[in-house]
Amino acid sequence: MPIRKAAVTILGWTLVLAGVAALVLPGPGLLLLLLGLVVLSQEYRWAERRVEPVKRKAFEVARQGVSSYPRILMSALGACALTAIGVVWGLDPTIPTIGPVGPQLPFGGWATGSSIIISGIVAALLLAYSVKRFRPTAGSRESADVRSH
């Protein structure tokens, strides 16, 4: 069992740290943070107590993100832009030298580009899930109006 606990701890903390980083970098920060806490909660009570508050916050942010069509559009454009940036980063083009940066992109290549592309795809999938989960359909609005009368 010590091997399982070590594996859970390493995986959990890796996801938590990736989630914290993704809060300021492109990526699904709250989702990774939540996933890391869920993994850690398999072995640690302190993590189990923190899963629900983070889950509530993640759902609140997701609900706000799809509260209007302009927000949905901006989120979709952001996910597409992130994917496009990943492709450019993967191609590692020559760029103008600006201060210490150039003539190549920092960490250019497909290792970095693919991780950015994956972040864009995950963002698009999370947007689709959020729209499905938190945006009522026309039929459900009508049925809710009928039930309220």
Protein backbone atom coordinates (compact mmCIF):
# COMPACT_ATOMS: atom_id res chain seq x y z
CA MET A 1 0.00 0.00 0.00
CA PRO A 2 2.87 2.51 0.44
CA ILE A 3 3.42 2.37 -3.35
CA ARG A 4 -0.25 3.23 -3.97
CA LYS A 5 -0.11 6.12 -1.50
CA ALA A 6 3.07 7.45 -3.12
CA ALA A 7 1.53 7.19 -6.60
CA VAL A 8 -1.68 8.93 -5.48
CA THR A 9 0.34 11.66 -3.77
CA ILE A 10 2.60 12.29 -6.76
CA LEU A 11 -0.24 12.26 -9.30
CA GLY A 12 -2.51 14.39 -7.08
CA TRP A 13 0.10 17.05 -6.39
CA THR A 14 1.15 17.11 -10.04
CA LEU A 15 -2.46 17.83 -11.03
CA VAL A 16 -2.86 20.43 -8.27
CA LEU A 17 0.33 22.25 -9.32
CA ALA A 18 -0.67 22.08 -13.00
CA GLY A 19 -4.08 23.47 -12.03
CA VAL A 20 -2.56 26.35 -10.09
CA ALA A 21 -0.28 27.12 -13.05
CA ALA A 22 -3.21 26.90 -15.47
CA LEU A 23 -5.12 29.48 -13.44
CA VAL A 24 -2.73 32.10 -14.87
CA LEU A 25 -1.58 30.25 -18.02
CA PRO A 26 -3.78 28.89 -20.81
CA GLY A 27 -5.56 25.81 -19.60
CA PRO A 28 -8.39 24.45 -17.46
CA GLY A 29 -7.01 25.53 -14.07
CA LEU A 30 -10.00 24.86 -11.82
CA LEU A 31 -10.65 21.52 -13.49
CA LEU A 32 -7.06 20.35 -12.97
CA LEU A 33 -7.11 21.64 -9.40
CA LEU A 34 -10.36 19.80 -8.73
CA LEU A 35 -9.05 16.62 -10.35
CA GLY A 36 -5.88 16.80 -8.24
CA LEU A 37 -7.92 17.19 -5.06
CA VAL A 38 -10.16 14.27 -6.04
CA VAL A 39 -7.07 12.09 -6.52
CA LEU A 40 -5.52 13.26 -3.23
CA SER A 41 -8.83 12.70 -1.42
CA GLN A 42 -8.37 8.97 -1.98
CA GLU A 43 -5.62 9.06 0.67
CA TYR A 44 -5.99 12.34 2.59
CA ARG A 45 -8.98 13.64 4.55
CA TRP A 46 -7.85 17.28 4.24
CA ALA A 47 -8.14 16.97 0.43
CA GLU A 48 -11.55 15.32 0.71
CA ARG A 49 -12.83 18.35 2.66
CA ARG A 50 -11.65 20.70 -0.09
CA VAL A 51 -13.17 18.89 -3.07
CA GLU A 52 -16.72 20.25 -2.66
CA PRO A 53 -15.80 23.97 -2.35
CA VAL A 54 -13.55 23.79 -5.41
CA LYS A 55 -16.24 21.88 -7.32
CA ARG A 56 -18.82 24.56 -6.43
CA LYS A 57 -16.46 27.33 -7.58
CA ALA A 58 -15.64 25.49 -10.84
CA PHE A 59 -19.35 25.04 -11.60
CA GLU A 60 -20.06 28.68 -10.71
CA VAL A 61 -17.34 29.87 -13.11
CA ALA A 62 -18.65 27.51 -15.81
CA ARG A 63 -22.22 28.79 -15.31
CA GLN A 64 -21.05 32.43 -15.56
CA GLY A 65 -19.02 31.62 -18.66
CA VAL A 66 -22.14 30.59 -20.58
CA SER A 67 -24.57 33.09 -19.06
CA SER A 68 -24.84 35.07 -22.31
CA TYR A 69 -24.22 34.52 -26.00
CA PRO A 70 -21.36 37.06 -26.14
CA ARG A 71 -19.57 35.14 -23.36
CA ILE A 72 -20.08 31.86 -25.18
CA LEU A 73 -18.78 33.43 -28.40
CA MET A 74 -15.71 34.89 -26.66
CA SER A 75 -14.98 31.55 -24.98
CA ALA A 76 -15.28 29.72 -28.29
CA LEU A 77 -13.01 32.25 -29.99
CA GLY A 78 -10.53 31.90 -27.12
CA ALA A 79 -10.47 28.11 -27.50
CA CYS A 80 -9.95 28.44 -31.27
CA ALA A 81 -7.22 31.06 -30.77
CA LEU A 82 -5.47 28.84 -28.24
CA THR A 83 -5.50 25.94 -30.69
CA ALA A 84 -4.18 28.17 -33.49
CA ILE A 85 -1.41 29.49 -31.23
CA GLY A 86 -0.46 25.89 -30.47
CA VAL A 87 -0.14 25.13 -34.18
CA VAL A 88 2.05 28.20 -34.72
CA TRP A 89 4.16 27.30 -31.68
CA GLY A 90 4.55 23.78 -33.01
CA LEU A 91 5.73 25.02 -36.39
CA ASP A 92 8.32 27.15 -34.55
CA PRO A 93 8.54 29.97 -37.11
CA THR A 94 11.25 32.59 -37.23
CA ILE A 95 10.09 35.70 -35.38
CA PRO A 96 11.51 39.20 -35.07
CA THR A 97 14.03 39.59 -32.29
CA ILE A 98 12.55 41.72 -29.52
CA GLY A 99 14.90 42.09 -26.59
CA PRO A 100 15.92 38.65 -25.39
CA VAL A 101 13.22 36.87 -27.45
CA GLY A 102 13.88 35.73 -31.01
CA PRO A 103 14.62 34.69 -33.68
CA GLN A 104 12.91 31.48 -32.51
CA LEU A 105 9.94 31.17 -30.16
CA PRO A 106 10.90 30.26 -26.60
CA PHE A 107 10.36 26.51 -26.13
CA GLY A 108 9.22 26.31 -29.76
CA GLY A 109 8.35 22.98 -31.30
CA TRP A 110 5.67 20.34 -31.10
CA ALA A 111 6.23 19.44 -27.44
CA THR A 112 5.03 22.89 -26.37
CA GLY A 113 2.69 23.38 -29.33
CA SER A 114 0.82 20.13 -28.73
CA SER A 115 0.25 20.96 -25.07
CA ILE A 116 -1.22 24.33 -26.09
CA ILE A 117 -3.39 22.62 -28.73
CA ILE A 118 -4.63 20.15 -26.12
CA SER A 119 -5.49 23.08 -23.82
CA GLY A 120 -7.54 24.64 -26.63
CA ILE A 121 -9.36 21.38 -27.29
CA VAL A 122 -10.06 20.86 -23.59
CA ALA A 123 -11.35 24.45 -23.37
CA ALA A 124 -13.71 23.80 -26.31
CA LEU A 125 -14.95 20.55 -24.74
CA LEU A 126 -15.51 22.26 -21.39
CA LEU A 127 -17.41 25.04 -23.14
CA ALA A 128 -19.63 22.49 -24.90
CA TYR A 129 -20.23 20.70 -21.59
CA SER A 130 -21.03 23.99 -19.83
CA VAL A 131 -23.48 25.03 -22.54
CA LYS A 132 -25.21 21.65 -22.34
CA ARG A 133 -25.26 21.62 -18.54
CA PHE A 134 -25.97 25.26 -17.65
CA ARG A 135 -27.88 26.74 -20.61
CA PRO A 136 -31.52 25.67 -20.67
CA THR A 137 -32.91 24.66 -24.04
CA ALA A 138 -35.99 26.35 -25.50
CA GLY A 139 -38.06 23.25 -24.71
CA SER A 140 -36.99 23.16 -21.07
CA ARG A 141 -37.76 26.88 -20.66
CA GLU A 142 -41.26 26.34 -22.03
CA SER A 143 -41.83 23.34 -19.82
CA ALA A 144 -40.53 25.30 -16.80
CA ASP A 145 -42.95 28.14 -17.64
CA VAL A 146 -45.82 25.66 -17.91
CA ARG A 147 -44.91 24.07 -14.55
CA SER A 148 -44.73 27.47 -12.82
CA HIS A 149 -48.27 28.44 -13.87
